[in-house]
C-alpha atoms as a PDB file:
ATOM      1  CA  MET A   1     199.151 202.632 116.715  1.00  0.00           C
ATOM      2  CA  ALA A   2     198.357 198.789 116.515  1.00  0.00           C
ATOM      3  CA  VAL A   3     199.841 196.762 119.240  1.00  0.00           C
ATOM      4  CA  HIS A   4     200.306 193.238 119.917  1.00  0.00           C
ATOM      5  CA  ARG A   5     199.990 192.073 123.584  1.00  0.00           C
ATOM      6  CA  ARG A   6     200.611 188.937 125.554  1.00  0.00           C
ATOM      7  CA  GLY A   7     201.502 188.066 129.073  1.00  0.00           C
ATOM      8  CA  SER A   8     201.247 189.995 132.463  1.00  0.00           C
ATOM      9  CA  GLY A   9     203.745 191.870 134.615  1.00  0.00           C
ATOM     10  CA  PRO A  10     205.771 194.973 134.102  1.00  0.00           C
ATOM     11  CA  ASP A  11     205.520 196.534 130.937  1.00  0.00           C
ATOM     12  CA  LEU A  12     207.971 195.616 128.293  1.00  0.00           C
ATOM     13  CA  VAL A  13     207.795 197.491 124.690  1.00  0.00           C
ATOM     14  CA  LEU A  14     209.174 196.185 121.776  1.00  0.00           C
ATOM     15  CA  PHE A  15     210.190 198.449 118.571  1.00  0.00           C
ATOM     16  CA  HIS A  16     210.497 196.591 115.282  1.00  0.00           C
ATOM     17  CA  GLY A  17     213.023 196.945 112.365  1.00  0.00           C
ATOM     18  CA  GLY A  18     212.316 198.985 109.162  1.00  0.00           C
ATOM     19  CA  MET A  19     210.105 197.356 106.594  1.00  0.00           C
ATOM     20  CA  GLY A  20     208.873 195.339 109.556  1.00  0.00           C
ATOM     21  CA  SER A  21     205.929 194.880 112.017  1.00  0.00           C
ATOM     22  CA  TRP A  22     205.573 193.342 115.396  1.00  0.00           C
ATOM     23  CA  LYS A  23     206.298 190.138 113.804  1.00  0.00           C
ATOM     24  CA  HIS A  24     209.965 190.883 113.820  1.00  0.00           C
ATOM     25  CA  TRP A  25     209.569 189.545 117.313  1.00  0.00           C
ATOM     26  CA  ALA A  26     207.161 186.660 116.219  1.00  0.00           C
ATOM     27  CA  ARG A  27     209.762 184.055 118.072  1.00  0.00           C
ATOM     28  CA  ASN A  28     210.194 186.202 121.170  1.00  0.00           C
ATOM     29  CA  VAL A  29     206.999 187.632 122.205  1.00  0.00           C
ATOM     30  CA  ASP A  30     205.519 184.318 123.893  1.00  0.00           C
ATOM     31  CA  ALA A  31     208.986 183.773 125.910  1.00  0.00           C
ATOM     32  CA  LEU A  32     209.108 187.206 127.217  1.00  0.00           C
ATOM     33  CA  ALA A  33     205.191 187.214 127.973  1.00  0.00           C
ATOM     34  CA  ALA A  34     206.086 184.447 130.710  1.00  0.00           C
ATOM     35  CA  ARG A  35     207.434 187.300 132.922  1.00  0.00           C
ATOM     36  CA  PHE A  36     206.441 190.542 131.258  1.00  0.00           C
ATOM     37  CA  THR A  37     203.366 192.325 129.717  1.00  0.00           C
ATOM     38  CA  VAL A  38     204.680 192.623 126.296  1.00  0.00           C
ATOM     39  CA  HIS A  39     203.766 195.347 123.785  1.00  0.00           C
ATOM     40  CA  ALA A  40     204.869 194.663 120.658  1.00  0.00           C
ATOM     41  CA  LEU A  41     204.188 197.617 118.292  1.00  0.00           C
ATOM     42  CA  ASP A  42     203.628 198.345 114.763  1.00  0.00           C
ATOM     43  CA  HIS A  43     205.025 201.903 114.291  1.00  0.00           C
ATOM     44  CA  PRO A  44     203.205 204.297 112.451  1.00  0.00           C
ATOM     45  CA  SER A  45     202.934 203.687 108.635  1.00  0.00           C
ATOM     46  CA  TYR A  46     203.809 199.883 109.485  1.00  0.00           C
ATOM     47  CA  GLY A  47     201.786 196.754 109.793  1.00  0.00           C
ATOM     48  CA  ALA A  48     198.430 197.512 111.056  1.00  0.00           C
ATOM     49  CA  SER A  49     199.070 201.157 112.298  1.00  0.00           C
ATOM     50  CA  ALA A  50     197.582 204.405 110.656  1.00  0.00           C
ATOM     51  CA  SER A  51     199.915 206.296 108.198  1.00  0.00           C
ATOM     52  CA  VAL A  52     201.753 209.462 108.629  1.00  0.00           C
ATOM     53  CA  PRO A  53     202.352 211.928 105.652  1.00  0.00           C
ATOM     54  CA  ARG A  54     204.882 210.939 103.115  1.00  0.00           C
ATOM     55  CA  ASP A  55     206.991 213.811 104.040  1.00  0.00           C
ATOM     56  CA  THR A  56     206.990 213.100 107.656  1.00  0.00           C
ATOM     57  CA  THR A  57     210.807 214.048 108.541  1.00  0.00           C
ATOM     58  CA  GLY A  58     212.866 211.749 111.006  1.00  0.00           C
ATOM     59  CA  ALA A  59     212.805 214.401 113.640  1.00  0.00           C
ATOM     60  CA  GLN A  60     208.774 214.558 113.201  1.00  0.00           C
ATOM     61  CA  TYR A  61     208.410 210.933 113.493  1.00  0.00           C
ATOM     62  CA  LEU A  62     210.454 210.464 116.511  1.00  0.00           C
ATOM     63  CA  GLU A  63     208.070 213.342 118.099  1.00  0.00           C
ATOM     64  CA  LEU A  64     205.185 211.320 117.163  1.00  0.00           C
ATOM     65  CA  MET A  65     206.411 208.051 118.618  1.00  0.00           C
ATOM     66  CA  HIS A  66     207.066 210.117 121.804  1.00  0.00           C
ATOM     67  CA  GLU A  67     203.395 211.350 121.920  1.00  0.00           C
ATOM     68  CA  LEU A  68     202.051 207.685 121.204  1.00  0.00           C
ATOM     69  CA  ILE A  69     203.895 206.004 123.717  1.00  0.00           C
ATOM     70  CA  THR A  70     203.239 208.557 126.531  1.00  0.00           C
ATOM     71  CA  GLU A  71     199.699 208.302 125.811  1.00  0.00           C
ATOM     72  CA  MET A  72     199.692 204.532 125.714  1.00  0.00           C
ATOM     73  CA  PHE A  73     201.805 204.627 129.056  1.00  0.00           C
ATOM     74  CA  PRO A  74     200.513 207.599 131.229  1.00  0.00           C
ATOM     75  CA  GLY A  75     201.849 208.171 134.669  1.00  0.00           C
ATOM     76  CA  GLU A  76     205.294 207.105 135.985  1.00  0.00           C
ATOM     77  CA  THR A  77     204.986 203.305 135.875  1.00  0.00           C
ATOM     78  CA  PRO A  78     208.455 202.077 134.973  1.00  0.00           C
ATOM     79  CA  LEU A  79     209.237 200.602 131.482  1.00  0.00           C
ATOM     80  CA  ARG A  80     211.444 198.363 129.823  1.00  0.00           C
ATOM     81  CA  PHE A  81     212.194 198.722 126.046  1.00  0.00           C
ATOM     82  CA  GLY A  82     213.652 196.529 123.497  1.00  0.00           C
ATOM     83  CA  GLY A  83     214.696 197.820 120.074  1.00  0.00           C
ATOM     84  CA  PHE A  84     215.759 196.080 116.826  1.00  0.00           C
ATOM     85  CA  SER A  85     217.637 197.795 114.041  1.00  0.00           C
ATOM     86  CA  PHE A  86     215.380 201.030 113.126  1.00  0.00           C
ATOM     87  CA  GLY A  87     213.350 200.288 116.474  1.00  0.00           C
ATOM     88  CA  GLY A  88     216.527 200.445 118.207  1.00  0.00           C
ATOM     89  CA  ALA A  89     217.147 204.291 117.415  1.00  0.00           C
ATOM     90  CA  ILE A  90     213.513 204.847 118.368  1.00  0.00           C
ATOM     91  CA  ALA A  91     213.601 203.118 121.486  1.00  0.00           C
ATOM     92  CA  THR A  92     217.240 204.887 122.397  1.00  0.00           C
ATOM     93  CA  HIS A  93     215.528 208.192 121.632  1.00  0.00           C
ATOM     94  CA  LEU A  94     212.515 207.708 123.698  1.00  0.00           C
ATOM     95  CA  THR A  95     214.545 206.333 126.750  1.00  0.00           C
ATOM     96  CA  ARG A  96     216.544 209.478 126.722  1.00  0.00           C
ATOM     97  CA  ARG A  97     213.173 211.554 126.728  1.00  0.00           C
ATOM     98  CA  LEU A  98     211.604 209.689 129.175  1.00  0.00           C
ATOM     99  CA  ALA A  99     214.482 209.055 131.582  1.00  0.00           C
ATOM    100  CA  PRO A 100     214.507 207.929 134.400  1.00  0.00           C
ATOM    101  CA  ARG A 101     211.368 206.251 133.978  1.00  0.00           C
ATOM    102  CA  VAL A 102     212.929 203.464 131.465  1.00  0.00           C
ATOM    103  CA  THR A 103     214.642 201.275 133.529  1.00  0.00           C
ATOM    104  CA  HIS A 104     215.875 198.833 130.824  1.00  0.00           C
ATOM    105  CA  LEU A 105     217.001 199.309 127.277  1.00  0.00           C
ATOM    106  CA  CYS A 106     217.877 196.049 125.146  1.00  0.00           C
ATOM    107  CA  LEU A 107     219.276 197.058 121.488  1.00  0.00           C
ATOM    108  CA  VAL A 108     219.324 194.376 119.017  1.00  0.00           C
ATOM    109  CA  SER A 109     221.675 195.333 116.296  1.00  0.00           C
ATOM    110  CA  PRO A 110     220.543 198.889 116.458  1.00  0.00           C
ATOM    111  CA  ALA A 111     220.523 201.499 113.792  1.00  0.00           C
ATOM    112  CA  GLY A 112     220.522 205.202 114.005  1.00  0.00           C
ATOM    113  CA  PHE A 113     224.158 205.657 113.326  1.00  0.00           C
ATOM    114  CA  PRO A 114     225.093 208.709 111.150  1.00  0.00           C
ATOM    115  CA  ALA A 115     224.693 208.397 107.446  1.00  0.00           C
ATOM    116  CA  ARG A 116     227.933 207.129 105.912  1.00  0.00           C
ATOM    117  CA  LYS A 117     228.759 205.125 102.948  1.00  0.00           C
ATOM    118  CA  PHE A 118     230.803 201.905 103.628  1.00  0.00           C
ATOM    119  CA  GLY A 119     230.795 198.866 100.990  1.00  0.00           C
ATOM    120  CA  GLY A 120     228.089 198.164  98.759  1.00  0.00           C
ATOM    121  CA  ARG A 121     224.899 196.399  99.758  1.00  0.00           C
ATOM    122  CA  PRO A 122     223.740 193.955  96.827  1.00  0.00           C
ATOM    123  CA  ILE A 123     220.088 194.299  97.542  1.00  0.00           C
ATOM    124  CA  ARG A 124     217.378 193.898  94.811  1.00  0.00           C
ATOM    125  CA  SER A 125     214.435 196.595  94.335  1.00  0.00           C
ATOM    126  CA  TYR A 126     210.809 195.349  95.030  1.00  0.00           C
ATOM    127  CA  LYS A 127     209.833 197.222  91.834  1.00  0.00           C
ATOM    128  CA  GLU A 128     211.381 194.557  89.935  1.00  0.00           C
ATOM    129  CA  ALA A 129     208.317 192.133  90.851  1.00  0.00           C
ATOM    130  CA  ALA A 130     205.953 194.291  88.896  1.00  0.00           C
ATOM    131  CA  GLY A 131     203.119 192.716  90.604  1.00  0.00           C
ATOM    132  CA  ASP A 132     204.252 189.181  90.574  1.00  0.00           C
ATOM    133  CA  ASP A 133     203.792 187.717  93.742  1.00  0.00           C
ATOM    134  CA  THR A 134     206.263 184.902  93.133  1.00  0.00           C
ATOM    135  CA  LYS A 135     209.034 187.316  92.038  1.00  0.00           C
ATOM    136  CA  PHE A 136     208.118 189.545  95.104  1.00  0.00           C
ATOM    137  CA  ARG A 137     208.744 186.623  97.358  1.00  0.00           C
ATOM    138  CA  GLU A 138     212.245 185.657  95.235  1.00  0.00           C
ATOM    139  CA  ILE A 139     213.399 189.180  95.897  1.00  0.00           C
ATOM    140  CA  ALA A 140     212.273 189.018  99.730  1.00  0.00           C
ATOM    141  CA  ARG A 141     214.176 185.973 100.072  1.00  0.00           C
ATOM    142  CA  HIS A 142     217.234 187.362  98.588  1.00  0.00           C
ATOM    143  CA  ASN A 143     217.368 190.567 100.504  1.00  0.00           C
ATOM    144  CA  LEU A 144     216.866 188.481 103.791  1.00  0.00           C
ATOM    145  CA  GLY A 145     219.891 186.845 102.967  1.00  0.00           C
ATOM    146  CA  VAL A 146     221.899 190.193 102.314  1.00  0.00           C
ATOM    147  CA  ASN A 147     220.287 192.210 105.219  1.00  0.00           C
ATOM    148  CA  MET A 148     218.917 190.300 107.796  1.00  0.00           C
ATOM    149  CA  LEU A 149     219.744 186.577 108.109  1.00  0.00           C
ATOM    150  CA  HIS A 150     223.436 185.017 108.018  1.00  0.00           C
ATOM    151  CA  ASP A 151     222.596 181.169 107.424  1.00  0.00           C
ATOM    152  CA  PRO A 152     220.586 180.388 104.290  1.00  0.00           C
ATOM    153  CA  ALA A 153     218.972 177.819 106.210  1.00  0.00           C
ATOM    154  CA  SER A 154     217.179 180.374 108.221  1.00  0.00           C
ATOM    155  CA  ILE A 155     215.320 181.877 105.306  1.00  0.00           C
ATOM    156  CA  THR A 156     212.584 179.885 105.946  1.00  0.00           C
ATOM    157  CA  ASP A 157     209.202 180.268 104.274  1.00  0.00           C
ATOM    158  CA  GLU A 158     207.928 181.884 107.568  1.00  0.00           C
ATOM    159  CA  ALA A 159     210.547 184.432 107.324  1.00  0.00           C
ATOM    160  CA  VAL A 160     210.028 185.314 103.763  1.00  0.00           C
ATOM    161  CA  ASP A 161     206.194 185.693 104.666  1.00  0.00           C
ATOM    162  CA  ILE A 162     207.313 188.149 107.612  1.00  0.00           C
ATOM    163  CA  GLN A 163     209.383 190.144 105.314  1.00  0.00           C
ATOM    164  CA  SER A 164     207.041 190.057 102.343  1.00  0.00           C
ATOM    165  CA  ASP A 165     204.077 191.458 104.776  1.00  0.00           C
ATOM    166  CA  GLY A 166     206.264 193.941 106.185  1.00  0.00           C
ATOM    167  CA  VAL A 167     207.663 195.276 102.884  1.00  0.00           C
ATOM    168  CA  ARG A 168     204.079 195.478 101.424  1.00  0.00           C
ATOM    169  CA  HIS A 169     202.684 197.557 104.535  1.00  0.00           C
ATOM    170  CA  ALA A 170     205.651 199.896 104.878  1.00  0.00           C
ATOM    171  CA  ARG A 171     204.441 203.467 104.264  1.00  0.00           C
ATOM    172  CA  PHE A 172     207.500 205.371 105.890  1.00  0.00           C
ATOM    173  CA  ASP A 173     210.935 205.417 104.979  1.00  0.00           C
ATOM    174  CA  SER A 174     212.689 204.141 107.983  1.00  0.00           C
ATOM    175  CA  ARG A 175     216.148 205.575 106.926  1.00  0.00           C
ATOM    176  CA  LYS A 176     215.015 208.898 107.934  1.00  0.00           C
ATOM    177  CA  VAL A 177     215.403 207.712 111.437  1.00  0.00           C
ATOM    178  CA  SER A 178     218.134 204.647 110.896  1.00  0.00           C
ATOM    179  CA  ALA A 179     220.481 206.948 109.053  1.00  0.00           C
ATOM    180  CA  GLY A 180     219.467 210.032 111.134  1.00  0.00           C
ATOM    181  CA  GLY A 181     222.638 209.929 113.586  1.00  0.00           C
ATOM    182  CA  THR A 182     220.460 210.045 116.579  1.00  0.00           C
ATOM    183  CA  LEU A 183     221.594 206.985 118.440  1.00  0.00           C
ATOM    184  CA  LEU A 184     225.040 208.047 119.488  1.00  0.00           C
ATOM    185  CA  ARG A 185     223.825 211.493 120.693  1.00  0.00           C
ATOM    186  CA  ASP A 186     220.888 209.938 122.409  1.00  0.00           C
ATOM    187  CA  LEU A 187     223.078 207.038 124.236  1.00  0.00           C
ATOM    188  CA  THR A 188     225.733 210.092 125.159  1.00  0.00           C
ATOM    189  CA  ALA A 189     222.920 211.899 126.905  1.00  0.00           C
ATOM    190  CA  LEU A 190     221.797 208.899 128.759  1.00  0.00           C
ATOM    191  CA  ARG A 191     225.255 208.544 130.435  1.00  0.00           C
ATOM    192  CA  SER A 192     224.408 209.830 133.812  1.00  0.00           C
ATOM    193  CA  GLU A 193     221.326 207.683 133.996  1.00  0.00           C
ATOM    194  CA  MET A 194     223.390 204.784 133.362  1.00  0.00           C
ATOM    195  CA  ASP A 195     226.095 205.502 135.758  1.00  0.00           C
ATOM    196  CA  ALA A 196     223.498 206.096 138.343  1.00  0.00           C
ATOM    197  CA  ARG A 197     222.160 202.430 137.373  1.00  0.00           C
ATOM    198  CA  ARG A 198     218.843 204.173 136.733  1.00  0.00           C
ATOM    199  CA  CYS A 199     218.910 202.740 133.471  1.00  0.00           C
ATOM    200  CA  LYS A 200     220.521 199.520 132.228  1.00  0.00           C
ATOM    201  CA  LEU A 201     221.693 199.032 128.829  1.00  0.00           C
ATOM    202  CA  ARG A 202     222.340 195.842 126.917  1.00  0.00           C
ATOM    203  CA  VAL A 203     223.481 195.465 123.179  1.00  0.00           C
ATOM    204  CA  LEU A 204     222.767 192.203 121.380  1.00  0.00           C
ATOM    205  CA  TRP A 205     224.662 191.854 118.023  1.00  0.00           C
ATOM    206  CA  GLY A 206     224.628 188.774 115.786  1.00  0.00           C
ATOM    207  CA  ILE A 207     228.243 187.484 114.903  1.00  0.00           C
ATOM    208  CA  GLY A 208     227.091 187.164 111.259  1.00  0.00           C
ATOM    209  CA  ASP A 209     225.895 190.970 111.444  1.00  0.00           C
ATOM    210  CA  ASP A 210     229.575 191.890 110.254  1.00  0.00           C
ATOM    211  CA  SER A 211     230.041 193.030 106.646  1.00  0.00           C
ATOM    212  CA  ALA A 212     231.560 195.415 104.423  1.00  0.00           C
ATOM    213  CA  PHE A 213     228.316 197.821 104.602  1.00  0.00           C
ATOM    214  CA  ARG A 214     227.629 197.341 108.415  1.00  0.00           C
ATOM    215  CA  PRO A 215     231.104 196.730 110.039  1.00  0.00           C
ATOM    216  CA  ALA A 216     230.315 195.308 113.631  1.00  0.00           C
ATOM    217  CA  ASP A 217     233.500 196.294 115.352  1.00  0.00           C
ATOM    218  CA  LEU A 218     233.523 199.719 113.988  1.00  0.00           C
ATOM    219  CA  LEU A 219     229.785 200.436 115.098  1.00  0.00           C
ATOM    220  CA  ILE A 220     229.994 198.678 118.302  1.00  0.00           C
ATOM    221  CA  GLY A 221     233.069 200.579 119.327  1.00  0.00           C
ATOM    222  CA  GLU A 222     231.233 203.822 118.616  1.00  0.00           C
ATOM    223  CA  ILE A 223     228.360 202.688 120.974  1.00  0.00           C
ATOM    224  CA  ARG A 224     231.113 201.857 123.468  1.00  0.00           C
ATOM    225  CA  GLU A 225     232.584 205.300 123.049  1.00  0.00           C
ATOM    226  CA  ALA A 226     229.177 207.000 123.266  1.00  0.00           C
ATOM    227  CA  VAL A 227     228.306 205.443 126.817  1.00  0.00           C
ATOM    228  CA  GLY A 228     231.759 206.465 128.063  1.00  0.00           C
ATOM    229  CA  GLY A 229     232.522 203.155 129.717  1.00  0.00           C
ATOM    230  CA  THR A 230     232.042 199.356 129.869  1.00  0.00           C
ATOM    231  CA  LEU A 231     229.342 198.055 127.565  1.00  0.00           C
ATOM    232  CA  ASP A 232     227.239 195.156 128.304  1.00  0.00           C
ATOM    233  CA  VAL A 233     227.514 193.594 124.935  1.00  0.00           C
ATOM    234  CA  HIS A 234     226.669 190.123 123.606  1.00  0.00           C
ATOM    235  CA  ARG A 235     227.682 188.829 120.102  1.00  0.00           C
ATOM    236  CA  VAL A 236     224.974 186.559 119.503  1.00  0.00           C
ATOM    237  CA  PRO A 237     226.117 183.087 117.833  1.00  0.00           C
ATOM    238  CA  ARG A 238     224.509 181.434 114.771  1.00  0.00           C
ATOM    239  CA  ALA A 239     222.718 184.919 113.875  1.00  0.00           C
ATOM    240  CA  GLY A 240     222.924 187.928 111.574  1.00  0.00           C
ATOM    241  CA  HIS A 241     221.094 191.272 111.750  1.00  0.00           C
ATOM    242  CA  TRP A 242     217.743 189.693 112.627  1.00  0.00           C
ATOM    243  CA  GLY A 243     219.168 187.942 115.626  1.00  0.00           C
ATOM    244  CA  ALA A 244     216.043 187.745 117.532  1.00  0.00           C
ATOM    245  CA  TYR A 245     214.290 185.440 114.825  1.00  0.00           C
ATOM    246  CA  GLU A 246     217.551 183.530 113.544  1.00  0.00           C
ATOM    247  CA  ASN A 247     218.762 182.776 116.995  1.00  0.00           C
ATOM    248  CA  ALA A 248     215.683 183.326 119.029  1.00  0.00           C
ATOM    249  CA  HIS A 249     216.646 180.730 121.718  1.00  0.00           C
ATOM    250  CA  GLU A 250     219.712 182.790 122.746  1.00  0.00           C
ATOM    251  CA  VAL A 251     218.261 186.168 122.383  1.00  0.00           C
ATOM    252  CA  ASN A 252     215.263 185.269 124.556  1.00  0.00           C
ATOM    253  CA  ARG A 253     217.640 183.975 127.124  1.00  0.00           C
ATOM    254  CA  LEU A 254     219.725 187.094 127.130  1.00  0.00           C
ATOM    255  CA  MET A 255     216.633 189.391 127.067  1.00  0.00           C
ATOM    256  CA  LEU A 256     214.745 187.660 129.904  1.00  0.00           C
ATOM    257  CA  GLU A 257     217.865 187.686 131.956  1.00  0.00           C
ATOM    258  CA  PHE A 258     218.549 191.383 131.204  1.00  0.00           C
ATOM    259  CA  PHE A 259     214.857 192.576 131.787  1.00  0.00           C
ATOM    260  CA  SER A 260     214.691 190.622 135.046  1.00  0.00           C
ATOM    261  CA  SER A 261     217.789 192.150 136.567  1.00  0.00           C
END
């Protein structure tokens, strides 16, 4: 598993979103590395990491992630996890299995909810590009506006570069985990750790990450119900689903505050 490392201090592991890589955290790594040793991962079958078989199930993928993380961080040294979207489901699952070793879990617009059909999602297929790079980038720009970024001005060439590179190197269907229903079950299982303050949870959710196909109040409410109490949730202004990129300044502030507590 390829890892992008920066900084020094306590270990902070960052898990990226679907069709992504460590570059989903491109605007966050340096800020976090001022206080922590940041390990920004390329999950298996993403970015520069080795591939898994195409028939790998969601459960098998999570098991592999557990094996890789325990190999990467042997012993009992405390860990801090940050997970975005698909990576939020992975981070939460690993937090449950590694409890009480994971002291802080920060979820940025997490996935991992049960598979359900809400409103339509007007994305375009990358197959339309048929090998045409200009067309591929046009589709990436469109899909960023649908899935990831709230303000059209945020769809920079850099964002299109990150999206295009992530899609080209994605070799696992993240929906096997993102729609696998593990998030709420794992959070429910972590209640005792949270109640005892052995594990802290913070949820960051872009104000613009609210749509017919991703209803924010419903999903945040389900997280709140799963943890069974007060939820430390922050609605990030001027941000959609990829809030760590779109409003990096505010997300960095909230993550540093949380992970330093």
